[in-house]
Amino acid sequence: MRDFLDPDGRRWQAAPLYASYGQMLLVFSAMEGGAILHQPMAADTLAQAEDELAQLDDGALRTLLQQAQPWDYDAKKF
């Protein structure tokens, strides 16, 4: 997990997540406000995803955050 600031000074956390069908996602969580976004990762395993995240600098994380999609969790589906 990594903490970083977006261009507006808002603090975010980025963490890899093993999703369905072996897909790895990079999940972005705003430290204030509750926003959650996600971005696919190239990694196939959690260990690879953690290495991929460790190699990203804050600028790369900000770029991925801008490209990320909102987490579309609808609890009514379950």
PDB file of N, CA and C in Angstrom:
ATOM      1  N   MET A   1       0.846  -1.165   0.000  1.00  0.00           N
ATOM      2  CA  MET A   1       0.000   0.000   0.000  1.00  0.00           C
ATOM      3  C   MET A   1       0.892   1.228   0.000  1.00  0.00           C
ATOM      4  N   ARG A   2       0.442   2.235  -0.737  1.00  0.00           N
ATOM      5  CA  ARG A   2       1.208   3.493  -0.831  1.00  0.00           C
ATOM      6  C   ARG A   2       0.280   4.675  -0.606  1.00  0.00           C
ATOM      7  N   ASP A   3       0.773   5.685   0.090  1.00  0.00           N
ATOM      8  CA  ASP A   3       0.076   6.962   0.233  1.00  0.00           C
ATOM      9  C   ASP A   3       0.714   7.959  -0.718  1.00  0.00           C
ATOM     10  N   PHE A   4      -0.120   8.843  -1.273  1.00  0.00           N
ATOM     11  CA  PHE A   4       0.391   9.906  -2.136  1.00  0.00           C
ATOM     12  C   PHE A   4      -0.635  11.021  -2.190  1.00  0.00           C
ATOM     13  N   LEU A   5      -0.212  12.179  -2.703  1.00  0.00           N
ATOM     14  CA  LEU A   5      -1.094  13.334  -2.852  1.00  0.00           C
ATOM     15  C   LEU A   5      -1.429  13.541  -4.312  1.00  0.00           C
ATOM     16  N   ASP A   6      -2.709  13.872  -4.584  1.00  0.00           N
ATOM     17  CA  ASP A   6      -3.081  14.227  -5.954  1.00  0.00           C
ATOM     18  C   ASP A   6      -2.686  15.678  -6.204  1.00  0.00           C
ATOM     19  N   PRO A   7      -2.866  16.200  -7.433  1.00  0.00           N
ATOM     20  CA  PRO A   7      -2.445  17.584  -7.728  1.00  0.00           C
ATOM     21  C   PRO A   7      -3.126  18.642  -6.861  1.00  0.00           C
ATOM     22  N   ASP A   8      -4.293  18.306  -6.281  1.00  0.00           N
ATOM     23  CA  ASP A   8      -5.007  19.254  -5.420  1.00  0.00           C
ATOM     24  C   ASP A   8      -4.619  19.126  -3.952  1.00  0.00           C
ATOM     25  N   GLY A   9      -3.657  18.251  -3.645  1.00  0.00           N
ATOM     26  CA  GLY A   9      -3.215  18.075  -2.272  1.00  0.00           C
ATOM     27  C   GLY A   9      -4.047  17.088  -1.471  1.00  0.00           C
ATOM     28  N   ARG A  10      -4.943  16.386  -2.124  1.00  0.00           N
ATOM     29  CA  ARG A  10      -5.788  15.390  -1.454  1.00  0.00           C
ATOM     30  C   ARG A  10      -4.991  14.094  -1.293  1.00  0.00           C
ATOM     31  N   ARG A  11      -5.039  13.502  -0.094  1.00  0.00           N
ATOM     32  CA  ARG A  11      -4.282  12.283   0.192  1.00  0.00           C
ATOM     33  C   ARG A  11      -5.075  11.047  -0.251  1.00  0.00           C
ATOM     34  N   TRP A  12      -4.362  10.146  -0.936  1.00  0.00           N
ATOM     35  CA  TRP A  12      -4.925   8.886  -1.427  1.00  0.00           C
ATOM     36  C   TRP A  12      -4.046   7.725  -0.979  1.00  0.00           C
ATOM     37  N   GLN A  13      -4.647   6.547  -0.929  1.00  0.00           N
ATOM     38  CA  GLN A  13      -3.901   5.308  -0.759  1.00  0.00           C
ATOM     39  C   GLN A  13      -4.111   4.480  -2.019  1.00  0.00           C
ATOM     40  N   ALA A  14      -3.064   3.814  -2.458  1.00  0.00           N
ATOM     41  CA  ALA A  14      -3.122   2.905  -3.600  1.00  0.00           C
ATOM     42  C   ALA A  14      -2.701   1.528  -3.111  1.00  0.00           C
ATOM     43  N   ALA A  15      -3.491   0.515  -3.462  1.00  0.00           N
ATOM     44  CA  ALA A  15      -3.179  -0.848  -3.032  1.00  0.00           C
ATOM     45  C   ALA A  15      -3.611  -1.829  -4.110  1.00  0.00           C
ATOM     46  N   PRO A  16      -2.826  -2.894  -4.336  1.00  0.00           N
ATOM     47  CA  PRO A  16      -3.222  -3.912  -5.293  1.00  0.00           C
ATOM     48  C   PRO A  16      -4.323  -4.798  -4.700  1.00  0.00           C
ATOM     49  N   LEU A  17      -5.171  -5.298  -5.580  1.00  0.00           N
ATOM     50  CA  LEU A  17      -6.269  -6.172  -5.175  1.00  0.00           C
ATOM     51  C   LEU A  17      -6.396  -7.299  -6.187  1.00  0.00           C
ATOM     52  N   TYR A  18      -6.443  -8.524  -5.701  1.00  0.00           N
ATOM     53  CA  TYR A  18      -6.679  -9.687  -6.567  1.00  0.00           C
ATOM     54  C   TYR A  18      -8.173  -9.756  -6.809  1.00  0.00           C
ATOM     55  N   ALA A  19      -8.606  -9.568  -8.050  1.00  0.00           N
ATOM     56  CA  ALA A  19     -10.021  -9.538  -8.392  1.00  0.00           C
ATOM     57  C   ALA A  19     -10.430 -10.856  -9.057  1.00  0.00           C
ATOM     58  N   SER A  20     -11.639 -10.909  -9.524  1.00  0.00           N
ATOM     59  CA  SER A  20     -12.174 -12.109 -10.169  1.00  0.00           C
ATOM     60  C   SER A  20     -11.373 -12.501 -11.395  1.00  0.00           C
ATOM     61  N   TYR A  21     -11.339 -13.790 -11.643  1.00  0.00           N
ATOM     62  CA  TYR A  21     -10.716 -14.359 -12.839  1.00  0.00           C
ATOM     63  C   TYR A  21      -9.224 -14.017 -12.952  1.00  0.00           C
ATOM     64  N   GLY A  22      -8.560 -13.831 -11.827  1.00  0.00           N
ATOM     65  CA  GLY A  22      -7.122 -13.616 -11.833  1.00  0.00           C
ATOM     66  C   GLY A  22      -6.678 -12.222 -12.216  1.00  0.00           C
ATOM     67  N   GLN A  23      -7.590 -11.309 -12.354  1.00  0.00           N
ATOM     68  CA  GLN A  23      -7.220  -9.941 -12.718  1.00  0.00           C
ATOM     69  C   GLN A  23      -6.727  -9.192 -11.484  1.00  0.00           C
ATOM     70  N   MET A  24      -5.661  -8.444 -11.653  1.00  0.00           N
ATOM     71  CA  MET A  24      -5.146  -7.592 -10.583  1.00  0.00           C
ATOM     72  C   MET A  24      -5.604  -6.161 -10.836  1.00  0.00           C
ATOM     73  N   LEU A  25      -6.079  -5.516  -9.783  1.00  0.00           N
ATOM     74  CA  LEU A  25      -6.498  -4.121  -9.862  1.00  0.00           C
ATOM     75  C   LEU A  25      -5.669  -3.287  -8.908  1.00  0.00           C
ATOM     76  N   LEU A  26      -5.429  -2.050  -9.296  1.00  0.00           N
ATOM     77  CA  LEU A  26      -4.856  -1.068  -8.396  1.00  0.00           C
ATOM     78  C   LEU A  26      -6.033  -0.237  -7.892  1.00  0.00           C
ATOM     79  N   VAL A  27      -6.287  -0.295  -6.595  1.00  0.00           N
ATOM     80  CA  VAL A  27      -7.437   0.383  -5.996  1.00  0.00           C
ATOM     81  C   VAL A  27      -6.950   1.655  -5.319  1.00  0.00           C
ATOM     82  N   PHE A  28      -7.620   2.751  -5.636  1.00  0.00           N
ATOM     83  CA  PHE A  28      -7.311   4.055  -5.063  1.00  0.00           C
ATOM     84  C   PHE A  28      -8.422   4.427  -4.087  1.00  0.00           C
ATOM     85  N   SER A  29      -8.045   4.759  -2.860  1.00  0.00           N
ATOM     86  CA  SER A  29      -9.007   5.161  -1.837  1.00  0.00           C
ATOM     87  C   SER A  29      -8.636   6.541  -1.326  1.00  0.00           C
ATOM     88  N   ALA A  30      -9.593   7.463  -1.405  1.00  0.00           N
ATOM     89  CA  ALA A  30      -9.367   8.805  -0.872  1.00  0.00           C
ATOM     90  C   ALA A  30      -9.381   8.730   0.647  1.00  0.00           C
ATOM     91  N   MET A  31      -8.424   9.375   1.289  1.00  0.00           N
ATOM     92  CA  MET A  31      -8.341   9.344   2.748  1.00  0.00           C
ATOM     93  C   MET A  31      -9.475  10.149   3.387  1.00  0.00           C
ATOM     94  N   GLU A  32     -10.031  11.089   2.637  1.00  0.00           N
ATOM     95  CA  GLU A  32     -11.184  11.860   3.093  1.00  0.00           C
ATOM     96  C   GLU A  32     -12.208  11.875   1.975  1.00  0.00           C
ATOM     97  N   GLY A  33     -13.445  11.665   2.296  1.00  0.00           N
ATOM     98  CA  GLY A  33     -14.499  11.755   1.303  1.00  0.00           C
ATOM     99  C   GLY A  33     -15.004  10.419   0.788  1.00  0.00           C
ATOM    100  N   GLY A  34     -14.253   9.354   0.990  1.00  0.00           N
ATOM    101  CA  GLY A  34     -14.742   8.026   0.657  1.00  0.00           C
ATOM    102  C   GLY A  34     -14.688   7.606  -0.794  1.00  0.00           C
ATOM    103  N   ALA A  35     -14.084   8.380  -1.672  1.00  0.00           N
ATOM    104  CA  ALA A  35     -14.003   7.993  -3.081  1.00  0.00           C
ATOM    105  C   ALA A  35     -13.128   6.751  -3.239  1.00  0.00           C
ATOM    106  N   ILE A  36     -13.581   5.811  -4.068  1.00  0.00           N
ATOM    107  CA  ILE A  36     -12.815   4.609  -4.383  1.00  0.00           C
ATOM    108  C   ILE A  36     -12.824   4.435  -5.898  1.00  0.00           C
ATOM    109  N   LEU A  37     -11.621   4.294  -6.465  1.00  0.00           N
ATOM    110  CA  LEU A  37     -11.472   4.097  -7.902  1.00  0.00           C
ATOM    111  C   LEU A  37     -10.569   2.902  -8.134  1.00  0.00           C
ATOM    112  N   HIS A  38     -10.553   2.403  -9.376  1.00  0.00           N
ATOM    113  CA  HIS A  38      -9.687   1.265  -9.676  1.00  0.00           C
ATOM    114  C   HIS A  38      -9.135   1.382 -11.087  1.00  0.00           C
ATOM    115  N   GLN A  39      -8.013   0.695 -11.269  1.00  0.00           N
ATOM    116  CA  GLN A  39      -7.291   0.693 -12.548  1.00  0.00           C
ATOM    117  C   GLN A  39      -6.703  -0.703 -12.723  1.00  0.00           C
ATOM    118  N   PRO A  40      -6.858  -1.344 -13.884  1.00  0.00           N
ATOM    119  CA  PRO A  40      -6.239  -2.655 -14.099  1.00  0.00           C
ATOM    120  C   PRO A  40      -4.713  -2.572 -14.020  1.00  0.00           C
ATOM    121  N   MET A  41      -4.117  -3.668 -13.560  1.00  0.00           N
ATOM    122  CA  MET A  41      -2.655  -3.771 -13.499  1.00  0.00           C
ATOM    123  C   MET A  41      -2.200  -4.850 -14.476  1.00  0.00           C
ATOM    124  N   ALA A  42      -0.958  -4.768 -14.890  1.00  0.00           N
ATOM    125  CA  ALA A  42      -0.386  -5.758 -15.809  1.00  0.00           C
ATOM    126  C   ALA A  42      -0.038  -7.061 -15.091  1.00  0.00           C
ATOM    127  N   ALA A  43       0.146  -7.015 -13.788  1.00  0.00           N
ATOM    128  CA  ALA A  43       0.587  -8.163 -13.001  1.00  0.00           C
ATOM    129  C   ALA A  43      -0.428  -9.304 -13.042  1.00  0.00           C
ATOM    130  N   ASP A  44       0.084 -10.528 -12.872  1.00  0.00           N
ATOM    131  CA  ASP A  44      -0.755 -11.722 -12.812  1.00  0.00           C
ATOM    132  C   ASP A  44      -0.932 -12.246 -11.399  1.00  0.00           C
ATOM    133  N   THR A  45      -0.043 -11.862 -10.494  1.00  0.00           N
ATOM    134  CA  THR A  45      -0.095 -12.340  -9.117  1.00  0.00           C
ATOM    135  C   THR A  45      -0.007 -11.145  -8.175  1.00  0.00           C
ATOM    136  N   LEU A  46      -0.389 -11.383  -6.923  1.00  0.00           N
ATOM    137  CA  LEU A  46      -0.301 -10.313  -5.934  1.00  0.00           C
ATOM    138  C   LEU A  46       1.145  -9.878  -5.717  1.00  0.00           C
ATOM    139  N   ALA A  47       2.065 -10.824  -5.700  1.00  0.00           N
ATOM    140  CA  ALA A  47       3.482 -10.480  -5.526  1.00  0.00           C
ATOM    141  C   ALA A  47       3.969  -9.587  -6.670  1.00  0.00           C
ATOM    142  N   GLN A  48       3.588  -9.910  -7.901  1.00  0.00           N
ATOM    143  CA  GLN A  48       3.971  -9.080  -9.040  1.00  0.00           C
ATOM    144  C   GLN A  48       3.330  -7.702  -8.937  1.00  0.00           C
ATOM    145  N   ALA A  49       2.074  -7.650  -8.501  1.00  0.00           N
ATOM    146  CA  ALA A  49       1.373  -6.374  -8.364  1.00  0.00           C
ATOM    147  C   ALA A  49       2.034  -5.500  -7.304  1.00  0.00           C
ATOM    148  N   GLU A  50       2.467  -6.102  -6.201  1.00  0.00           N
ATOM    149  CA  GLU A  50       3.158  -5.339  -5.159  1.00  0.00           C
ATOM    150  C   GLU A  50       4.482  -4.793  -5.682  1.00  0.00           C
ATOM    151  N   ASP A  51       5.199  -5.592  -6.483  1.00  0.00           N
ATOM    152  CA  ASP A  51       6.438  -5.110  -7.098  1.00  0.00           C
ATOM    153  C   ASP A  51       6.157  -3.971  -8.076  1.00  0.00           C
ATOM    154  N   GLU A  52       5.093  -4.134  -8.881  1.00  0.00           N
ATOM    155  CA  GLU A  52       4.717  -3.093  -9.840  1.00  0.00           C
ATOM    156  C   GLU A  52       4.399  -1.791  -9.115  1.00  0.00           C
ATOM    157  N   LEU A  53       3.635  -1.874  -8.022  1.00  0.00           N
ATOM    158  CA  LEU A  53       3.288  -0.687  -7.242  1.00  0.00           C
ATOM    159  C   LEU A  53       4.543  -0.051  -6.648  1.00  0.00           C
ATOM    160  N   ALA A  54       5.462  -0.854  -6.147  1.00  0.00           N
ATOM    161  CA  ALA A  54       6.687  -0.328  -5.535  1.00  0.00           C
ATOM    162  C   ALA A  54       7.549   0.437  -6.536  1.00  0.00           C
ATOM    163  N   GLN A  55       7.444   0.108  -7.817  1.00  0.00           N
ATOM    164  CA  GLN A  55       8.252   0.761  -8.845  1.00  0.00           C
ATOM    165  C   GLN A  55       7.648   2.073  -9.338  1.00  0.00           C
ATOM    166  N   LEU A  56       6.408   2.364  -8.966  1.00  0.00           N
ATOM    167  CA  LEU A  56       5.745   3.590  -9.411  1.00  0.00           C
ATOM    168  C   LEU A  56       6.122   4.756  -8.499  1.00  0.00           C
ATOM    169  N   ASP A  57       6.446   5.898  -9.108  1.00  0.00           N
ATOM    170  CA  ASP A  57       6.661   7.092  -8.297  1.00  0.00           C
ATOM    171  C   ASP A  57       5.317   7.819  -8.145  1.00  0.00           C
ATOM    172  N   ASP A  58       5.305   8.874  -7.351  1.00  0.00           N
ATOM    173  CA  ASP A  58       4.048   9.577  -7.090  1.00  0.00           C
ATOM    174  C   ASP A  58       3.443  10.160  -8.363  1.00  0.00           C
ATOM    175  N   GLY A  59       4.271  10.619  -9.291  1.00  0.00           N
ATOM    176  CA  GLY A  59       3.763  11.149 -10.558  1.00  0.00           C
ATOM    177  C   GLY A  59       3.023  10.085 -11.351  1.00  0.00           C
ATOM    178  N   ALA A  60       3.573   8.876 -11.383  1.00  0.00           N
ATOM    179  CA  ALA A  60       2.915   7.779 -12.089  1.00  0.00           C
ATOM    180  C   ALA A  60       1.607   7.406 -11.394  1.00  0.00           C
ATOM    181  N   LEU A  61       1.596   7.441 -10.068  1.00  0.00           N
ATOM    182  CA  LEU A  61       0.356   7.149  -9.344  1.00  0.00           C
ATOM    183  C   LEU A  61      -0.707   8.202  -9.640  1.00  0.00           C
ATOM    184  N   ARG A  62      -0.304   9.467  -9.719  1.00  0.00           N
ATOM    185  CA  ARG A  62      -1.269  10.525 -10.049  1.00  0.00           C
ATOM    186  C   ARG A  62      -1.836  10.322 -11.451  1.00  0.00           C
ATOM    187  N   THR A  63      -1.000   9.913 -12.395  1.00  0.00           N
ATOM    188  CA  THR A  63      -1.464   9.652 -13.764  1.00  0.00           C
ATOM    189  C   THR A  63      -2.456   8.498 -13.776  1.00  0.00           C
ATOM    190  N   LEU A  64      -2.134   7.417 -13.080  1.00  0.00           N
ATOM    191  CA  LEU A  64      -3.048   6.269 -13.022  1.00  0.00           C
ATOM    192  C   LEU A  64      -4.351   6.637 -12.319  1.00  0.00           C
ATOM    193  N   LEU A  65      -4.275   7.478 -11.294  1.00  0.00           N
ATOM    194  CA  LEU A  65      -5.481   7.935 -10.598  1.00  0.00           C
ATOM    195  C   LEU A  65      -6.396   8.688 -11.563  1.00  0.00           C
ATOM    196  N   GLN A  66      -5.815   9.535 -12.406  1.00  0.00           N
ATOM    197  CA  GLN A  66      -6.620  10.291 -13.373  1.00  0.00           C
ATOM    198  C   GLN A  66      -7.301   9.369 -14.381  1.00  0.00           C
ATOM    199  N   GLN A  67      -6.699   8.220 -14.678  1.00  0.00           N
ATOM    200  CA  GLN A  67      -7.250   7.269 -15.642  1.00  0.00           C
ATOM    201  C   GLN A  67      -8.205   6.265 -14.993  1.00  0.00           C
ATOM    202  N   ALA A  68      -8.205   6.196 -13.664  1.00  0.00           N
ATOM    203  CA  ALA A  68      -8.973   5.180 -12.945  1.00  0.00           C
ATOM    204  C   ALA A  68     -10.481   5.409 -13.074  1.00  0.00           C
ATOM    205  N   GLN A  69     -11.197   4.311 -12.941  1.00  0.00           N
ATOM    206  CA  GLN A  69     -12.656   4.329 -13.020  1.00  0.00           C
ATOM    207  C   GLN A  69     -13.249   4.221 -11.616  1.00  0.00           C
ATOM    208  N   PRO A  70     -14.412   4.840 -11.393  1.00  0.00           N
ATOM    209  CA  PRO A  70     -15.060   4.718 -10.082  1.00  0.00           C
ATOM    210  C   PRO A  70     -15.404   3.259  -9.782  1.00  0.00           C
ATOM    211  N   TRP A  71     -15.302   2.908  -8.512  1.00  0.00           N
ATOM    212  CA  TRP A  71     -15.695   1.576  -8.076  1.00  0.00           C
ATOM    213  C   TRP A  71     -17.210   1.530  -8.153  1.00  0.00           C
ATOM    214  N   ASP A  72     -17.749   0.634  -8.937  1.00  0.00           N
ATOM    215  CA  ASP A  72     -19.190   0.553  -9.153  1.00  0.00           C
ATOM    216  C   ASP A  72     -19.738  -0.642  -8.388  1.00  0.00           C
ATOM    217  N   TYR A  73     -19.829  -0.487  -7.075  1.00  0.00           N
ATOM    218  CA  TYR A  73     -20.334  -1.543  -6.235  1.00  0.00           C
ATOM    219  C   TYR A  73     -21.782  -1.237  -5.886  1.00  0.00           C
ATOM    220  N   ASP A  74     -22.655  -2.117  -6.297  1.00  0.00           N
ATOM    221  CA  ASP A  74     -24.073  -1.955  -6.013  1.00  0.00           C
ATOM    222  C   ASP A  74     -24.503  -3.116  -5.125  1.00  0.00           C
ATOM    223  N   ALA A  75     -24.619  -2.850  -3.845  1.00  0.00           N
ATOM    224  CA  ALA A  75     -24.946  -3.916  -2.875  1.00  0.00           C
ATOM    225  C   ALA A  75     -26.311  -4.528  -3.161  1.00  0.00           C
ATOM    226  N   LYS A  76     -27.175  -3.832  -3.889  1.00  0.00           N
ATOM    227  CA  LYS A  76     -28.495  -4.373  -4.205  1.00  0.00           C
ATOM    228  C   LYS A  76     -28.420  -5.562  -5.152  1.00  0.00           C
ATOM    229  N   LYS A  77     -27.303  -5.742  -5.848  1.00  0.00           N
ATOM    230  CA  LYS A  77     -27.151  -6.848  -6.779  1.00  0.00           C
ATOM    231  C   LYS A  77     -27.012  -8.173  -6.047  1.00  0.00           C
ATOM    232  N   PHE A  78     -26.644  -8.124  -4.761  1.00  0.00           N
ATOM    233  CA  PHE A  78     -26.345  -9.363  -4.038  1.00  0.00           C
ATOM    234  C   PHE A  78     -27.480  -9.757  -3.164  1.00  0.00           C
TER     235      PHE A  78
END
